[in-house]
Amino acid sequence: MISVLNRSDEPVYEAVITMVYIQGAAPHTGEAWSEIAPQDAPREVWAVLPPGERRVTMPGGWGILTGRVGAEIAFTDRAGASWVRRATGALEELPTDAIDHYAISRPLDYKPPIRS
């Protein structure tokens, strides 16, 4: 289980939380996961991430023994701009929404965020 924190006063939409590696020979970004396993990547999709802290249980069985994992989150803000916060902390604007950016098939199986 990991915690996701939205420090904004506004919700964000279509949030895609992806487990990535920050060390080791494995995918370091959500895009890398999409290239090798677009529908099987260790990720969850939320319709809305409200302000505050929420928890998410990620799918298991994908780790490697020598890697170090982190999480990245991509989302669309209230103004319609799409962003990704990398596991390194870097914030990058995306050219399209996260669902299309990561080539996630629709219809979506939205998971509800759990209040911490």
PDB file of N, CA and C in Angstrom:
ATOM      1  N   MET A   1       0.850  -1.168   0.000  1.00  0.00           N
ATOM      2  CA  MET A   1       0.000   0.000   0.000  1.00  0.00           C
ATOM      3  C   MET A   1       0.901   1.239   0.000  1.00  0.00           C
ATOM      4  N   ILE A   2       0.514   2.246  -0.787  1.00  0.00           N
ATOM      5  CA  ILE A   2       1.257   3.500  -0.812  1.00  0.00           C
ATOM      6  C   ILE A   2       0.296   4.650  -0.543  1.00  0.00           C
ATOM      7  N   SER A   3       0.856   5.770  -0.132  1.00  0.00           N
ATOM      8  CA  SER A   3       0.069   6.977   0.097  1.00  0.00           C
ATOM      9  C   SER A   3       0.289   7.945  -1.055  1.00  0.00           C
ATOM     10  N   VAL A   4      -0.781   8.618  -1.453  1.00  0.00           N
ATOM     11  CA  VAL A   4      -0.743   9.633  -2.497  1.00  0.00           C
ATOM     12  C   VAL A   4      -1.257  10.917  -1.875  1.00  0.00           C
ATOM     13  N   LEU A   5      -0.523  12.001  -2.063  1.00  0.00           N
ATOM     14  CA  LEU A   5      -0.873  13.270  -1.436  1.00  0.00           C
ATOM     15  C   LEU A   5      -1.150  14.326  -2.491  1.00  0.00           C
ATOM     16  N   ASN A   6      -2.363  14.882  -2.468  1.00  0.00           N
ATOM     17  CA  ASN A   6      -2.722  16.015  -3.323  1.00  0.00           C
ATOM     18  C   ASN A   6      -2.734  17.241  -2.423  1.00  0.00           C
ATOM     19  N   ARG A   7      -1.688  18.044  -2.516  1.00  0.00           N
ATOM     20  CA  ARG A   7      -1.571  19.229  -1.651  1.00  0.00           C
ATOM     21  C   ARG A   7      -2.327  20.436  -2.193  1.00  0.00           C
ATOM     22  N   SER A   8      -2.932  20.302  -3.348  1.00  0.00           N
ATOM     23  CA  SER A   8      -3.715  21.380  -3.927  1.00  0.00           C
ATOM     24  C   SER A   8      -5.042  21.507  -3.178  1.00  0.00           C
ATOM     25  N   ASP A   9      -5.689  22.654  -3.331  1.00  0.00           N
ATOM     26  CA  ASP A   9      -7.037  22.827  -2.797  1.00  0.00           C
ATOM     27  C   ASP A   9      -8.088  22.294  -3.753  1.00  0.00           C
ATOM     28  N   GLU A  10      -7.659  21.862  -4.939  1.00  0.00           N
ATOM     29  CA  GLU A  10      -8.562  21.382  -5.984  1.00  0.00           C
ATOM     30  C   GLU A  10      -8.333  19.892  -6.241  1.00  0.00           C
ATOM     31  N   PRO A  11      -9.350  19.165  -6.651  1.00  0.00           N
ATOM     32  CA  PRO A  11      -9.138  17.768  -7.049  1.00  0.00           C
ATOM     33  C   PRO A  11      -8.400  17.714  -8.384  1.00  0.00           C
ATOM     34  N   VAL A  12      -7.824  16.560  -8.686  1.00  0.00           N
ATOM     35  CA  VAL A  12      -7.278  16.295 -10.008  1.00  0.00           C
ATOM     36  C   VAL A  12      -8.042  15.099 -10.571  1.00  0.00           C
ATOM     37  N   TYR A  13      -7.968  14.934 -11.884  1.00  0.00           N
ATOM     38  CA  TYR A  13      -8.831  13.981 -12.558  1.00  0.00           C
ATOM     39  C   TYR A  13      -8.038  12.944 -13.343  1.00  0.00           C
ATOM     40  N   GLU A  14      -8.660  11.773 -13.525  1.00  0.00           N
ATOM     41  CA  GLU A  14      -8.044  10.643 -14.224  1.00  0.00           C
ATOM     42  C   GLU A  14      -6.590  10.476 -13.804  1.00  0.00           C
ATOM     43  N   ALA A  15      -6.407  10.269 -12.523  1.00  0.00           N
ATOM     44  CA  ALA A  15      -5.074  10.071 -11.966  1.00  0.00           C
ATOM     45  C   ALA A  15      -4.617   8.640 -12.223  1.00  0.00           C
ATOM     46  N   VAL A  16      -3.425   8.506 -12.770  1.00  0.00           N
ATOM     47  CA  VAL A  16      -2.835   7.203 -13.055  1.00  0.00           C
ATOM     48  C   VAL A  16      -1.605   7.057 -12.160  1.00  0.00           C
ATOM     49  N   ILE A  17      -1.665   6.110 -11.238  1.00  0.00           N
ATOM     50  CA  ILE A  17      -0.563   5.862 -10.312  1.00  0.00           C
ATOM     51  C   ILE A  17       0.148   4.604 -10.795  1.00  0.00           C
ATOM     52  N   THR A  18       1.441   4.736 -11.098  1.00  0.00           N
ATOM     53  CA  THR A  18       2.221   3.622 -11.641  1.00  0.00           C
ATOM     54  C   THR A  18       3.430   3.369 -10.758  1.00  0.00           C
ATOM     55  N   MET A  19       3.648   2.120 -10.412  1.00  0.00           N
ATOM     56  CA  MET A  19       4.859   1.739  -9.696  1.00  0.00           C
ATOM     57  C   MET A  19       5.985   1.648 -10.719  1.00  0.00           C
ATOM     58  N   VAL A  20       7.109   2.278 -10.403  1.00  0.00           N
ATOM     59  CA  VAL A  20       8.276   2.286 -11.286  1.00  0.00           C
ATOM     60  C   VAL A  20       9.513   1.981 -10.460  1.00  0.00           C
ATOM     61  N   TYR A  21      10.589   1.746 -11.135  1.00  0.00           N
ATOM     62  CA  TYR A  21      11.859   1.499 -10.455  1.00  0.00           C
ATOM     63  C   TYR A  21      12.690   2.767 -10.467  1.00  0.00           C
ATOM     64  N   ILE A  22      13.278   3.090  -9.342  1.00  0.00           N
ATOM     65  CA  ILE A  22      14.185   4.223  -9.287  1.00  0.00           C
ATOM     66  C   ILE A  22      15.628   3.728  -9.212  1.00  0.00           C
ATOM     67  N   GLN A  23      15.764   2.410  -9.148  1.00  0.00           N
ATOM     68  CA  GLN A  23      17.071   1.783  -9.165  1.00  0.00           C
ATOM     69  C   GLN A  23      16.882   0.362  -9.673  1.00  0.00           C
ATOM     70  N   GLY A  24      17.780  -0.097 -10.505  1.00  0.00           N
ATOM     71  CA  GLY A  24      17.684  -1.451 -11.024  1.00  0.00           C
ATOM     72  C   GLY A  24      17.404  -1.458 -12.513  1.00  0.00           C
ATOM     73  N   ALA A  25      17.493  -2.624 -13.100  1.00  0.00           N
ATOM     74  CA  ALA A  25      17.316  -2.788 -14.543  1.00  0.00           C
ATOM     75  C   ALA A  25      15.876  -3.166 -14.849  1.00  0.00           C
ATOM     76  N   ALA A  26      14.999  -2.211 -14.717  1.00  0.00           N
ATOM     77  CA  ALA A  26      13.571  -2.416 -14.951  1.00  0.00           C
ATOM     78  C   ALA A  26      12.973  -1.061 -15.339  1.00  0.00           C
ATOM     79  N   PRO A  27      11.694  -0.996 -15.714  1.00  0.00           N
ATOM     80  CA  PRO A  27      11.100   0.268 -16.156  1.00  0.00           C
ATOM     81  C   PRO A  27      11.180   1.377 -15.097  1.00  0.00           C
ATOM     82  N   HIS A  28      11.727   2.517 -15.495  1.00  0.00           N
ATOM     83  CA  HIS A  28      11.885   3.663 -14.604  1.00  0.00           C
ATOM     84  C   HIS A  28      10.779   4.699 -14.781  1.00  0.00           C
ATOM     85  N   THR A  29       9.901   4.501 -15.779  1.00  0.00           N
ATOM     86  CA  THR A  29       8.801   5.435 -16.020  1.00  0.00           C
ATOM     87  C   THR A  29       7.544   4.664 -16.423  1.00  0.00           C
ATOM     88  N   GLY A  30       6.424   5.323 -16.314  1.00  0.00           N
ATOM     89  CA  GLY A  30       5.177   4.729 -16.785  1.00  0.00           C
ATOM     90  C   GLY A  30       5.204   4.473 -18.280  1.00  0.00           C
ATOM     91  N   GLU A  31       5.885   5.349 -19.031  1.00  0.00           N
ATOM     92  CA  GLU A  31       6.001   5.159 -20.473  1.00  0.00           C
ATOM     93  C   GLU A  31       6.760   3.865 -20.796  1.00  0.00           C
ATOM     94  N   ALA A  32       7.807   3.589 -20.021  1.00  0.00           N
ATOM     95  CA  ALA A  32       8.578   2.351 -20.237  1.00  0.00           C
ATOM     96  C   ALA A  32       7.704   1.125 -19.970  1.00  0.00           C
ATOM     97  N   TRP A  33       6.872   1.189 -18.917  1.00  0.00           N
ATOM     98  CA  TRP A  33       5.937   0.086 -18.666  1.00  0.00           C
ATOM     99  C   TRP A  33       4.975  -0.063 -19.836  1.00  0.00           C
ATOM    100  N   SER A  34       4.488   1.051 -20.373  1.00  0.00           N
ATOM    101  CA  SER A  34       3.523   0.998 -21.475  1.00  0.00           C
ATOM    102  C   SER A  34       4.122   0.360 -22.723  1.00  0.00           C
ATOM    103  N   GLU A  35       5.435   0.508 -22.914  1.00  0.00           N
ATOM    104  CA  GLU A  35       6.086  -0.109 -24.072  1.00  0.00           C
ATOM    105  C   GLU A  35       6.169  -1.622 -23.937  1.00  0.00           C
ATOM    106  N   ILE A  36       6.388  -2.121 -22.713  1.00  0.00           N
ATOM    107  CA  ILE A  36       6.580  -3.566 -22.561  1.00  0.00           C
ATOM    108  C   ILE A  36       5.322  -4.308 -22.108  1.00  0.00           C
ATOM    109  N   ALA A  37       4.433  -3.627 -21.387  1.00  0.00           N
ATOM    110  CA  ALA A  37       3.224  -4.297 -20.868  1.00  0.00           C
ATOM    111  C   ALA A  37       2.113  -3.276 -20.639  1.00  0.00           C
ATOM    112  N   PRO A  38       1.567  -2.700 -21.709  1.00  0.00           N
ATOM    113  CA  PRO A  38       0.617  -1.598 -21.521  1.00  0.00           C
ATOM    114  C   PRO A  38      -0.606  -1.929 -20.676  1.00  0.00           C
ATOM    115  N   GLN A  39      -1.102  -3.140 -20.743  1.00  0.00           N
ATOM    116  CA  GLN A  39      -2.294  -3.486 -19.970  1.00  0.00           C
ATOM    117  C   GLN A  39      -1.969  -4.217 -18.678  1.00  0.00           C
ATOM    118  N   ASP A  40      -0.716  -4.594 -18.485  1.00  0.00           N
ATOM    119  CA  ASP A  40      -0.326  -5.341 -17.290  1.00  0.00           C
ATOM    120  C   ASP A  40       0.622  -4.568 -16.383  1.00  0.00           C
ATOM    121  N   ALA A  41       0.810  -3.301 -16.645  1.00  0.00           N
ATOM    122  CA  ALA A  41       1.702  -2.492 -15.815  1.00  0.00           C
ATOM    123  C   ALA A  41       1.144  -2.399 -14.396  1.00  0.00           C
ATOM    124  N   PRO A  42       1.999  -2.295 -13.394  1.00  0.00           N
ATOM    125  CA  PRO A  42       1.521  -2.157 -12.011  1.00  0.00           C
ATOM    126  C   PRO A  42       0.995  -0.741 -11.773  1.00  0.00           C
ATOM    127  N   ARG A  43      -0.265  -0.543 -12.086  1.00  0.00           N
ATOM    128  CA  ARG A  43      -0.853   0.803 -11.968  1.00  0.00           C
ATOM    129  C   ARG A  43      -2.317   0.716 -11.603  1.00  0.00           C
ATOM    130  N   GLU A  44      -2.800   1.823 -11.065  1.00  0.00           N
ATOM    131  CA  GLU A  44      -4.218   1.999 -10.757  1.00  0.00           C
ATOM    132  C   GLU A  44      -4.664   3.318 -11.376  1.00  0.00           C
ATOM    133  N   VAL A  45      -5.937   3.397 -11.718  1.00  0.00           N
ATOM    134  CA  VAL A  45      -6.507   4.612 -12.300  1.00  0.00           C
ATOM    135  C   VAL A  45      -7.665   5.069 -11.424  1.00  0.00           C
ATOM    136  N   TRP A  46      -7.608   6.337 -11.025  1.00  0.00           N
ATOM    137  CA  TRP A  46      -8.686   6.938 -10.230  1.00  0.00           C
ATOM    138  C   TRP A  46      -9.379   8.001 -11.060  1.00  0.00           C
ATOM    139  N   ALA A  47     -10.686   8.055 -10.998  1.00  0.00           N
ATOM    140  CA  ALA A  47     -11.439   9.098 -11.712  1.00  0.00           C
ATOM    141  C   ALA A  47     -11.132  10.468 -11.120  1.00  0.00           C
ATOM    142  N   VAL A  48     -11.085  10.539  -9.784  1.00  0.00           N
ATOM    143  CA  VAL A  48     -10.845  11.805  -9.087  1.00  0.00           C
ATOM    144  C   VAL A  48      -9.932  11.552  -7.892  1.00  0.00           C
ATOM    145  N   LEU A  49      -8.951  12.432  -7.724  1.00  0.00           N
ATOM    146  CA  LEU A  49      -8.118  12.427  -6.523  1.00  0.00           C
ATOM    147  C   LEU A  49      -8.406  13.734  -5.789  1.00  0.00           C
ATOM    148  N   PRO A  50      -9.176  13.669  -4.701  1.00  0.00           N
ATOM    149  CA  PRO A  50      -9.511  14.887  -3.960  1.00  0.00           C
ATOM    150  C   PRO A  50      -8.282  15.430  -3.216  1.00  0.00           C
ATOM    151  N   PRO A  51      -8.378  16.662  -2.719  1.00  0.00           N
ATOM    152  CA  PRO A  51      -7.289  17.181  -1.899  1.00  0.00           C
ATOM    153  C   PRO A  51      -7.062  16.295  -0.673  1.00  0.00           C
ATOM    154  N   GLY A  52      -5.832  16.251  -0.219  1.00  0.00           N
ATOM    155  CA  GLY A  52      -5.493  15.473   0.963  1.00  0.00           C
ATOM    156  C   GLY A  52      -4.763  14.196   0.622  1.00  0.00           C
ATOM    157  N   GLU A  53      -4.627  13.346   1.627  1.00  0.00           N
ATOM    158  CA  GLU A  53      -3.880  12.106   1.477  1.00  0.00           C
ATOM    159  C   GLU A  53      -4.838  10.931   1.275  1.00  0.00           C
ATOM    160  N   ARG A  54      -4.485  10.078   0.329  1.00  0.00           N
ATOM    161  CA  ARG A  54      -5.250   8.868   0.053  1.00  0.00           C
ATOM    162  C   ARG A  54      -4.277   7.692  -0.043  1.00  0.00           C
ATOM    163  N   ARG A  55      -4.820   6.488   0.103  1.00  0.00           N
ATOM    164  CA  ARG A  55      -3.998   5.280   0.000  1.00  0.00           C
ATOM    165  C   ARG A  55      -4.445   4.471  -1.199  1.00  0.00           C
ATOM    166  N   VAL A  56      -3.501   3.719  -1.747  1.00  0.00           N
ATOM    167  CA  VAL A  56      -3.800   2.831  -2.858  1.00  0.00           C
ATOM    168  C   VAL A  56      -3.062   1.517  -2.634  1.00  0.00           C
ATOM    169  N   THR A  57      -3.753   0.424  -2.902  1.00  0.00           N
ATOM    170  CA  THR A  57      -3.132  -0.890  -2.877  1.00  0.00           C
ATOM    171  C   THR A  57      -2.777  -1.237  -4.306  1.00  0.00           C
ATOM    172  N   MET A  58      -1.507  -1.469  -4.555  1.00  0.00           N
ATOM    173  CA  MET A  58      -1.043  -1.763  -5.904  1.00  0.00           C
ATOM    174  C   MET A  58      -1.031  -3.264  -6.143  1.00  0.00           C
ATOM    175  N   PRO A  59      -1.176  -3.660  -7.427  1.00  0.00           N
ATOM    176  CA  PRO A  59      -1.090  -5.082  -7.745  1.00  0.00           C
ATOM    177  C   PRO A  59       0.283  -5.621  -7.358  1.00  0.00           C
ATOM    178  N   GLY A  60       0.359  -6.862  -6.937  1.00  0.00           N
ATOM    179  CA  GLY A  60       1.628  -7.460  -6.527  1.00  0.00           C
ATOM    180  C   GLY A  60       2.170  -8.413  -7.568  1.00  0.00           C
ATOM    181  N   GLY A  61       3.313  -9.020  -7.234  1.00  0.00           N
ATOM    182  CA  GLY A  61       3.899 -10.039  -8.072  1.00  0.00           C
ATOM    183  C   GLY A  61       4.726  -9.537  -9.221  1.00  0.00           C
ATOM    184  N   TRP A  62       5.166  -8.293  -9.198  1.00  0.00           N
ATOM    185  CA  TRP A  62       5.912  -7.741 -10.329  1.00  0.00           C
ATOM    186  C   TRP A  62       7.309  -7.282  -9.947  1.00  0.00           C
ATOM    187  N   GLY A  63       7.673  -7.311  -8.683  1.00  0.00           N
ATOM    188  CA  GLY A  63       8.953  -6.775  -8.228  1.00  0.00           C
ATOM    189  C   GLY A  63      10.148  -7.625  -8.616  1.00  0.00           C
ATOM    190  N   ILE A  64      11.318  -7.014  -8.536  1.00  0.00           N
ATOM    191  CA  ILE A  64      12.567  -7.728  -8.731  1.00  0.00           C
ATOM    192  C   ILE A  64      13.377  -7.617  -7.450  1.00  0.00           C
ATOM    193  N   LEU A  65      14.260  -8.553  -7.220  1.00  0.00           N
ATOM    194  CA  LEU A  65      14.993  -8.598  -5.959  1.00  0.00           C
ATOM    195  C   LEU A  65      15.998  -7.477  -5.794  1.00  0.00           C
ATOM    196  N   THR A  66      16.609  -7.003  -6.875  1.00  0.00           N
ATOM    197  CA  THR A  66      17.691  -6.041  -6.756  1.00  0.00           C
ATOM    198  C   THR A  66      17.281  -4.609  -7.052  1.00  0.00           C
ATOM    199  N   GLY A  67      16.016  -4.347  -7.275  1.00  0.00           N
ATOM    200  CA  GLY A  67      15.572  -3.004  -7.622  1.00  0.00           C
ATOM    201  C   GLY A  67      15.025  -2.248  -6.429  1.00  0.00           C
ATOM    202  N   ARG A  68      14.887  -0.946  -6.607  1.00  0.00           N
ATOM    203  CA  ARG A  68      14.250  -0.095  -5.608  1.00  0.00           C
ATOM    204  C   ARG A  68      13.072   0.581  -6.293  1.00  0.00           C
ATOM    205  N   VAL A  69      11.890   0.499  -5.686  1.00  0.00           N
ATOM    206  CA  VAL A  69      10.680   0.990  -6.348  1.00  0.00           C
ATOM    207  C   VAL A  69      10.254   2.353  -5.825  1.00  0.00           C
ATOM    208  N   GLY A  70       9.485   3.027  -6.657  1.00  0.00           N
ATOM    209  CA  GLY A  70       8.864   4.292  -6.322  1.00  0.00           C
ATOM    210  C   GLY A  70       7.540   4.357  -7.072  1.00  0.00           C
ATOM    211  N   ALA A  71       6.888   5.487  -7.012  1.00  0.00           N
ATOM    212  CA  ALA A  71       5.621   5.651  -7.720  1.00  0.00           C
ATOM    213  C   ALA A  71       5.635   6.967  -8.472  1.00  0.00           C
ATOM    214  N   GLU A  72       4.964   6.972  -9.619  1.00  0.00           N
ATOM    215  CA  GLU A  72       4.731   8.231 -10.316  1.00  0.00           C
ATOM    216  C   GLU A  72       3.233   8.372 -10.497  1.00  0.00           C
ATOM    217  N   ILE A  73       2.787   9.612 -10.595  1.00  0.00           N
ATOM    218  CA  ILE A  73       1.358   9.871 -10.768  1.00  0.00           C
ATOM    219  C   ILE A  73       1.175  10.872 -11.899  1.00  0.00           C
ATOM    220  N   ALA A  74       0.314  10.528 -12.824  1.00  0.00           N
ATOM    221  CA  ALA A  74      -0.053  11.424 -13.909  1.00  0.00           C
ATOM    222  C   ALA A  74      -1.521  11.790 -13.722  1.00  0.00           C
ATOM    223  N   PHE A  75      -1.883  13.013 -14.092  1.00  0.00           N
ATOM    224  CA  PHE A  75      -3.237  13.495 -13.817  1.00  0.00           C
ATOM    225  C   PHE A  75      -3.562  14.690 -14.684  1.00  0.00           C
ATOM    226  N   THR A  76      -4.834  15.055 -14.695  1.00  0.00           N
ATOM    227  CA  THR A  76      -5.299  16.270 -15.362  1.00  0.00           C
ATOM    228  C   THR A  76      -5.803  17.222 -14.304  1.00  0.00           C
ATOM    229  N   ASP A  77      -5.352  18.492 -14.393  1.00  0.00           N
ATOM    230  CA  ASP A  77      -5.769  19.473 -13.392  1.00  0.00           C
ATOM    231  C   ASP A  77      -7.092  20.123 -13.787  1.00  0.00           C
ATOM    232  N   ARG A  78      -7.580  20.992 -12.933  1.00  0.00           N
ATOM    233  CA  ARG A  78      -8.882  21.643 -13.134  1.00  0.00           C
ATOM    234  C   ARG A  78      -8.938  22.442 -14.433  1.00  0.00           C
ATOM    235  N   ALA A  79      -7.796  22.986 -14.852  1.00  0.00           N
ATOM    236  CA  ALA A  79      -7.744  23.788 -16.073  1.00  0.00           C
ATOM    237  C   ALA A  79      -7.642  22.935 -17.338  1.00  0.00           C
ATOM    238  N   GLY A  80      -7.511  21.609 -17.177  1.00  0.00           N
ATOM    239  CA  GLY A  80      -7.436  20.719 -18.331  1.00  0.00           C
ATOM    240  C   GLY A  80      -6.027  20.383 -18.779  1.00  0.00           C
ATOM    241  N   ALA A  81      -5.013  20.881 -18.072  1.00  0.00           N
ATOM    242  CA  ALA A  81      -3.627  20.537 -18.394  1.00  0.00           C
ATOM    243  C   ALA A  81      -3.283  19.194 -17.751  1.00  0.00           C
ATOM    244  N   SER A  82      -2.467  18.413 -18.434  1.00  0.00           N
ATOM    245  CA  SER A  82      -2.082  17.098 -17.918  1.00  0.00           C
ATOM    246  C   SER A  82      -0.611  17.105 -17.504  1.00  0.00           C
ATOM    247  N   TRP A  83      -0.329  16.395 -16.416  1.00  0.00           N
ATOM    248  CA  TRP A  83       0.988  16.424 -15.785  1.00  0.00           C
ATOM    249  C   TRP A  83       1.384  15.034 -15.318  1.00  0.00           C
ATOM    250  N   VAL A  84       2.676  14.839 -15.121  1.00  0.00           N
ATOM    251  CA  VAL A  84       3.172  13.640 -14.456  1.00  0.00           C
ATOM    252  C   VAL A  84       4.194  14.075 -13.411  1.00  0.00           C
ATOM    253  N   ARG A  85       4.014  13.576 -12.204  1.00  0.00           N
ATOM    254  CA  ARG A  85       4.996  13.763 -11.126  1.00  0.00           C
ATOM    255  C   ARG A  85       5.791  12.462 -11.080  1.00  0.00           C
ATOM    256  N   ARG A  86       7.047  12.535 -11.481  1.00  0.00           N
ATOM    257  CA  ARG A  86       7.901  11.354 -11.553  1.00  0.00           C
ATOM    258  C   ARG A  86       8.287  10.873 -10.157  1.00  0.00           C
ATOM    259  N   ALA A  87       8.743   9.643 -10.072  1.00  0.00           N
ATOM    260  CA  ALA A  87       9.203   9.090  -8.799  1.00  0.00           C
ATOM    261  C   ALA A  87      10.396   9.873  -8.263  1.00  0.00           C
ATOM    262  N   THR A  88      11.089  10.579  -9.135  1.00  0.00           N
ATOM    263  CA  THR A  88      12.222  11.417  -8.727  1.00  0.00           C
ATOM    264  C   THR A  88      11.775  12.747  -8.136  1.00  0.00           C
ATOM    265  N   GLY A  89      10.493  13.072  -8.279  1.00  0.00           N
ATOM    266  CA  GLY A  89       9.960  14.344  -7.803  1.00  0.00           C
ATOM    267  C   GLY A  89       9.769  15.367  -8.903  1.00  0.00           C
ATOM    268  N   ALA A  90      10.337  15.125 -10.092  1.00  0.00           N
ATOM    269  CA  ALA A  90      10.212  16.067 -11.204  1.00  0.00           C
ATOM    270  C   ALA A  90       8.762  16.131 -11.684  1.00  0.00           C
ATOM    271  N   LEU A  91       8.314  17.334 -12.040  1.00  0.00           N
ATOM    272  CA  LEU A  91       6.975  17.553 -12.580  1.00  0.00           C
ATOM    273  C   LEU A  91       7.105  17.906 -14.052  1.00  0.00           C
ATOM    274  N   GLU A  92       6.403  17.172 -14.922  1.00  0.00           N
ATOM    275  CA  GLU A  92       6.474  17.398 -16.363  1.00  0.00           C
ATOM    276  C   GLU A  92       5.071  17.529 -16.926  1.00  0.00           C
ATOM    277  N   GLU A  93       4.881  18.479 -17.840  1.00  0.00           N
ATOM    278  CA  GLU A  93       3.591  18.591 -18.513  1.00  0.00           C
ATOM    279  C   GLU A  93       3.515  17.541 -19.617  1.00  0.00           C
ATOM    280  N   LEU A  94       2.343  16.938 -19.768  1.00  0.00           N
ATOM    281  CA  LEU A  94       2.115  15.926 -20.795  1.00  0.00           C
ATOM    282  C   LEU A  94       1.388  16.545 -21.982  1.00  0.00           C
ATOM    283  N   PRO A  95       1.618  16.026 -23.193  1.00  0.00           N
ATOM    284  CA  PRO A  95       0.938  16.573 -24.368  1.00  0.00           C
ATOM    285  C   PRO A  95      -0.519  16.136 -24.487  1.00  0.00           C
ATOM    286  N   THR A  96      -0.915  15.117 -23.728  1.00  0.00           N
ATOM    287  CA  THR A  96      -2.278  14.590 -23.774  1.00  0.00           C
ATOM    288  C   THR A  96      -2.635  14.085 -22.380  1.00  0.00           C
ATOM    289  N   ASP A  97      -3.872  13.660 -22.180  1.00  0.00           N
ATOM    290  CA  ASP A  97      -4.247  13.153 -20.859  1.00  0.00           C
ATOM    291  C   ASP A  97      -3.492  11.861 -20.563  1.00  0.00           C
ATOM    292  N   ALA A  98      -3.412  11.498 -19.294  1.00  0.00           N
ATOM    293  CA  ALA A  98      -2.609  10.348 -18.855  1.00  0.00           C
ATOM    294  C   ALA A  98      -3.099   9.034 -19.451  1.00  0.00           C
ATOM    295  N   ILE A  99      -4.400   8.880 -19.609  1.00  0.00           N
ATOM    296  CA  ILE A  99      -4.953   7.639 -20.137  1.00  0.00           C
ATOM    297  C   ILE A  99      -4.421   7.390 -21.551  1.00  0.00           C
ATOM    298  N   ASP A 100      -4.512   8.398 -22.395  1.00  0.00           N
ATOM    299  CA  ASP A 100      -4.009   8.261 -23.754  1.00  0.00           C
ATOM    300  C   ASP A 100      -2.486   8.219 -23.786  1.00  0.00           C
ATOM    301  N   HIS A 101      -1.846   8.994 -22.947  1.00  0.00           N
ATOM    302  CA  HIS A 101      -0.377   9.036 -22.907  1.00  0.00           C
ATOM    303  C   HIS A 101       0.213   7.657 -22.629  1.00  0.00           C
ATOM    304  N   TYR A 102      -0.408   6.923 -21.713  1.00  0.00           N
ATOM    305  CA  TYR A 102       0.085   5.590 -21.362  1.00  0.00           C
ATOM    306  C   TYR A 102      -0.574   4.477 -22.185  1.00  0.00           C
ATOM    307  N   ALA A 103      -1.422   4.828 -23.134  1.00  0.00           N
ATOM    308  CA  ALA A 103      -2.106   3.864 -24.001  1.00  0.00           C
ATOM    309  C   ALA A 103      -2.921   2.847 -23.200  1.00  0.00           C
ATOM    310  N   ILE A 104      -3.638   3.342 -22.193  1.00  0.00           N
ATOM    311  CA  ILE A 104      -4.489   2.481 -21.366  1.00  0.00           C
ATOM    312  C   ILE A 104      -5.816   2.287 -22.091  1.00  0.00           C
ATOM    313  N   SER A 105      -6.234   1.032 -22.214  1.00  0.00           N
ATOM    314  CA  SER A 105      -7.476   0.714 -22.927  1.00  0.00           C
ATOM    315  C   SER A 105      -8.695   1.216 -22.166  1.00  0.00           C
ATOM    316  N   ARG A 106      -9.675   1.647 -22.919  1.00  0.00           N
ATOM    317  CA  ARG A 106     -10.973   2.010 -22.368  1.00  0.00           C
ATOM    318  C   ARG A 106     -11.955   0.897 -22.676  1.00  0.00           C
ATOM    319  N   PRO A 107     -12.989   0.655 -21.923  1.00  0.00           N
ATOM    320  CA  PRO A 107     -13.418   1.413 -20.751  1.00  0.00           C
ATOM    321  C   PRO A 107     -12.461   1.191 -19.580  1.00  0.00           C
ATOM    322  N   LEU A 108     -12.451   2.173 -18.704  1.00  0.00           N
ATOM    323  CA  LEU A 108     -11.538   2.162 -17.564  1.00  0.00           C
ATOM    324  C   LEU A 108     -12.173   1.502 -16.349  1.00  0.00           C
ATOM    325  N   ASP A 109     -11.341   0.860 -15.585  1.00  0.00           N
ATOM    326  CA  ASP A 109     -11.770   0.259 -14.326  1.00  0.00           C
ATOM    327  C   ASP A 109     -11.264   1.168 -13.203  1.00  0.00           C
ATOM    328  N   TYR A 110     -12.001   2.256 -12.952  1.00  0.00           N
ATOM    329  CA  TYR A 110     -11.581   3.214 -11.943  1.00  0.00           C
ATOM    330  C   TYR A 110     -11.601   2.568 -10.553  1.00  0.00           C
ATOM    331  N   LYS A 111     -10.567   2.843  -9.775  1.00  0.00           N
ATOM    332  CA  LYS A 111     -10.510   2.396  -8.392  1.00  0.00           C
ATOM    333  C   LYS A 111     -10.800   3.601  -7.493  1.00  0.00           C
ATOM    334  N   PRO A 112     -11.506   3.401  -6.401  1.00  0.00           N
ATOM    335  CA  PRO A 112     -11.761   4.530  -5.494  1.00  0.00           C
ATOM    336  C   PRO A 112     -10.557   4.781  -4.587  1.00  0.00           C
ATOM    337  N   PRO A 113     -10.142   6.048  -4.428  1.00  0.00           N
ATOM    338  CA  PRO A 113      -9.081   6.333  -3.466  1.00  0.00           C
ATOM    339  C   PRO A 113      -9.583   6.092  -2.051  1.00  0.00           C
ATOM    340  N   ILE A 114      -8.703   5.623  -1.197  1.00  0.00           N
ATOM    341  CA  ILE A 114      -9.041   5.333   0.196  1.00  0.00           C
ATOM    342  C   ILE A 114      -8.472   6.440   1.056  1.00  0.00           C
ATOM    343  N   ARG A 115      -9.318   7.051   1.867  1.00  0.00           N
ATOM    344  CA  ARG A 115      -8.842   8.120   2.757  1.00  0.00           C
ATOM    345  C   ARG A 115      -7.861   7.538   3.768  1.00  0.00           C
ATOM    346  N   SER A 116      -6.763   8.263   3.954  1.00  0.00           N
ATOM    347  CA  SER A 116      -5.745   7.824   4.916  1.00  0.00           C
ATOM    348  C   SER A 116      -6.178   8.084   6.331  1.00  0.00           C
TER     349      SER A 116
END
